[in-house]
Protein backbone atom coordinates (compact mmCIF):
# COMPACT_ATOMS: atom_id res chain seq x y z
CA MET A 1 18.60 33.66 -6.34
CA HIS A 2 16.10 33.74 -3.29
CA CYS A 3 12.96 35.45 -3.11
CA ASP A 4 12.47 38.50 -1.11
CA ASP A 5 11.76 38.13 2.64
CA ASP A 6 8.41 39.88 2.35
CA VAL A 7 7.56 37.29 -0.46
CA MET A 8 8.63 34.26 1.88
CA ALA A 9 6.55 35.67 4.69
CA ALA A 10 3.27 35.73 2.61
CA ILE A 11 4.11 32.26 1.49
CA MET A 12 4.50 31.16 5.08
CA ALA A 13 1.24 32.95 5.95
CA ALA A 14 -0.52 31.36 3.01
CA MET A 15 0.76 27.95 4.28
CA ASN A 16 -1.44 28.19 7.29
CA GLY A 17 -4.59 28.33 4.99
CA PRO A 18 -5.94 26.33 2.43
CA ASP A 19 -3.41 24.32 0.21
CA GLU A 20 -4.51 25.35 -2.92
CA HIS A 21 -3.90 28.94 -2.35
CA ALA A 22 -0.47 28.30 -0.84
CA LEU A 23 0.34 26.13 -3.90
CA ALA A 24 -0.75 28.84 -6.32
CA LEU A 25 1.29 31.49 -4.66
CA ILE A 26 4.43 29.32 -4.51
CA SER A 27 4.22 28.27 -8.13
CA GLU A 28 3.67 31.93 -9.09
CA VAL A 29 6.77 32.73 -6.88
CA LEU A 30 8.65 29.88 -8.48
CA ALA A 31 8.05 31.31 -11.99
CA ARG A 32 10.21 34.35 -10.90
CA TRP A 33 12.58 32.60 -8.57
CA PRO A 34 13.21 29.05 -9.89
CA GLN A 35 16.51 28.88 -8.09
CA ASP A 36 15.23 29.29 -4.87
CA HIS A 37 15.57 25.70 -3.29
CA ARG A 38 13.07 26.77 -0.18
CA LEU A 39 10.17 27.13 -2.78
CA TRP A 40 10.58 23.76 -4.22
CA PHE A 41 10.83 22.40 -0.62
CA LEU A 42 7.59 24.12 0.58
CA ARG A 43 5.73 23.06 -2.42
CA ALA A 44 6.90 19.37 -2.25
CA SER A 45 5.79 19.34 1.55
CA ILE A 46 2.32 20.36 0.41
CA TYR A 47 2.19 17.78 -2.34
CA ALA A 48 3.30 15.22 0.24
CA GLY A 49 0.69 16.15 2.81
CA GLN A 50 -2.08 15.85 -0.03
CA GLN A 51 -0.51 12.45 -0.83
CA ARG A 52 0.63 13.75 -4.53
CA ARG A 53 3.63 11.69 -4.11
CA ALA A 54 4.94 11.77 -7.74
CA GLU A 55 4.81 15.66 -7.53
CA ALA A 56 6.40 15.61 -4.08
CA ARG A 57 9.07 13.50 -5.17
CA VAL A 58 9.92 15.73 -8.19
CA ASP A 59 9.95 18.93 -6.17
CA PHE A 60 12.26 17.28 -3.43
CA GLY A 61 14.33 16.17 -6.20
CA GLN A 62 14.65 19.61 -7.53
CA THR A 63 15.20 20.96 -4.00
CA LEU A 64 18.26 18.91 -3.72
CA ALA A 65 19.47 19.66 -7.28
CA LEU A 66 19.66 23.23 -6.16
CA ALA A 67 20.88 22.60 -2.47
CA PRO A 68 22.43 19.23 -1.99
CA GLU A 69 23.23 19.77 1.55
CA PHE A 70 19.64 20.69 2.49
CA ASP A 71 19.52 17.64 4.63
CA VAL A 72 15.75 17.78 5.70
CA ALA A 73 14.60 17.69 2.07
CA ARG A 74 16.91 14.64 1.74
CA PHE A 75 15.44 13.23 4.87
CA MET A 76 11.84 14.00 3.69
CA LEU A 77 12.53 12.28 0.10
CA GLY A 78 13.67 9.28 1.61
CA PHE A 79 10.67 9.10 4.06
CA LEU A 80 8.35 9.43 0.95
CA GLU A 81 10.29 6.58 -0.69
CA LEU A 82 9.96 4.58 2.49
CA MET A 83 6.29 5.04 2.69
CA ASP A 84 6.10 3.85 -0.97
CA GLN A 85 7.84 0.66 0.07
CA ARG A 86 10.92 1.76 -1.93
CA VAL A 87 13.30 0.71 0.85
CA GLU A 88 16.37 0.71 -1.59
CA ALA A 89 15.36 4.10 -2.95
CA ALA A 90 14.97 5.44 0.59
CA ALA A 91 18.39 4.25 1.50
CA ALA A 92 19.89 5.63 -1.55
CA ALA A 93 18.34 9.17 -1.03
CA TRP A 94 19.34 8.95 2.78
CA ALA A 95 22.93 7.83 1.94
CA PRO A 96 24.47 11.37 2.11
CA LEU A 97 23.11 11.61 5.52
CA ASP A 98 25.72 9.34 6.87
CA ARG A 99 28.17 12.31 6.67
CA LEU A 100 26.21 13.70 9.72
CA ALA A 101 27.34 13.11 13.32
CA GLU A 102 26.06 9.83 14.66
CA THR A 103 24.13 11.80 17.19
CA ASP A 104 22.20 13.99 14.55
CA ALA A 105 18.62 13.35 14.65
CA LEU A 106 18.04 12.97 11.07
CA ARG A 107 20.74 10.40 10.75
CA VAL A 108 19.22 8.41 13.78
CA PHE A 109 15.68 8.73 12.14
CA LYS A 110 17.00 7.48 9.11
CA THR A 111 18.70 4.37 10.74
CA GLY A 112 15.59 3.79 12.95
CA LEU A 113 13.28 3.69 9.79
CA LEU A 114 15.71 1.55 7.87
CA ASP A 115 15.51 -0.78 10.83
CA LEU A 116 11.60 -0.41 10.59
CA GLY A 117 11.97 -1.47 6.71
CA GLU A 118 13.74 -4.68 7.84
CA ASP A 119 11.09 -5.36 10.50
CA ARG A 120 13.59 -4.85 13.28
CA PHE A 121 10.66 -3.07 15.51
CA ALA A 122 12.47 -2.72 19.01
CA SER A 123 15.62 -1.22 17.35
CA ALA A 124 13.59 1.20 15.26
CA LEU A 125 11.45 2.16 18.14
CA GLU A 126 14.62 2.87 20.24
CA ARG A 127 16.18 4.79 17.52
CA LEU A 128 13.25 6.93 16.61
CA LYS A 129 12.48 7.98 20.09
CA ASN A 130 16.35 8.62 20.69
CA GLY A 131 16.04 10.77 17.45
CA LEU A 132 13.04 12.78 18.94
CA ALA A 133 15.11 13.34 22.02
CA LEU A 134 17.88 14.62 19.92
CA ASN A 135 16.02 16.78 17.39
CA ASP A 136 16.36 20.56 18.12
CA ARG A 137 17.06 21.47 14.47
CA HIS A 138 14.15 19.99 12.47
CA PRO A 139 11.23 19.99 14.63
CA GLU A 140 8.93 19.79 11.46
CA VAL A 141 9.71 16.29 11.09
CA ASN A 142 8.65 15.26 14.69
CA GLY A 143 5.12 14.77 13.70
CA TYR A 144 5.83 12.13 11.11
CA ILE A 145 8.36 10.51 13.51
CA GLU A 146 5.91 10.64 16.64
CA ALA A 147 3.14 8.77 14.31
CA VAL A 148 5.51 6.16 13.29
CA VAL A 149 6.18 5.67 16.90
CA ALA A 150 2.66 5.55 17.99
CA ARG A 151 1.82 2.90 15.32
CA ILE A 152 4.56 0.77 16.28
CA GLU A 153 3.70 1.00 20.10
CA ALA A 154 0.08 0.23 19.22
CA MET A 155 1.20 -3.01 17.34
CA PRO A 156 0.61 -6.00 19.57
CA ALA A 157 3.92 -7.12 20.95
CA SER A 158 3.52 -10.53 19.29
CA GLU A 159 3.51 -8.64 15.80
CA ARG A 160 6.75 -6.63 16.40
CA GLY A 161 8.69 -9.92 16.62
CA VAL A 162 7.77 -10.83 13.30
CA SER A 163 10.65 -10.81 10.90
CA SER A 164 8.83 -11.26 7.69
CA LEU A 165 5.36 -10.19 7.34
CA SER A 166 2.82 -11.66 5.06
CA GLY A 167 -0.75 -12.03 4.30
CA ASP A 168 -3.15 -9.84 6.50
CA ALA A 169 -0.17 -8.78 8.59
CA LEU A 170 1.28 -7.31 5.65
CA ASP A 171 -1.79 -5.22 4.78
CA ASN A 172 -1.50 -3.47 8.26
CA HIS A 173 2.34 -3.01 8.12
CA LEU A 174 3.71 0.38 9.03
CA LEU A 175 5.22 1.12 5.67
CA LEU A 176 1.95 0.73 3.74
CA SER A 177 0.23 3.40 5.80
CA GLY A 178 1.91 6.10 3.93
CA TYR A 179 1.49 9.85 4.77
CA GLN A 180 -1.99 9.26 6.29
CA ILE A 181 -0.04 8.76 9.54
CA SER A 182 0.49 12.47 10.06
CA PRO A 183 -0.78 15.58 8.57
CA THR A 184 2.01 17.66 9.56
CA ARG A 185 3.35 19.97 6.94
CA HIS A 186 6.86 21.47 6.99
């Protein structure tokens, strides 16, 4: 069901190089081990980093079809949806994270990002910072969250209190910034 440890080590090494090399290797290995959810997740992560969102969405979905409890994939799928301004789809993707402890970083991040989607900037900032302090299981998502926190903190205080963005402010809304906020890969 899972690829060999040596194969996974080669993939992880390839992920430190050019994306196209890593993608080719992962796709080749997926042909042999299509039931290995980790491979789908890694390929989705590269696609997301390349802003190939449709492909990332498909691969994160396949990851979850194979491993529904793989919470970091669920979190990243929701994050992708939110960055595409699909707040309801993000909330749906994240709903199973509610089974996690209230102090689980992924659940805290989810709540903070949903607050952000509702323009509750102070609450979002507090929850995201709290999630970063709690996160010792999934450090690969910290870069994304740190970038969101930095963007919120860089906003003029007067804009953080806006409950409904429109016009020019909408063009600069955090949710429209997409994956350009962080080049981090998983």
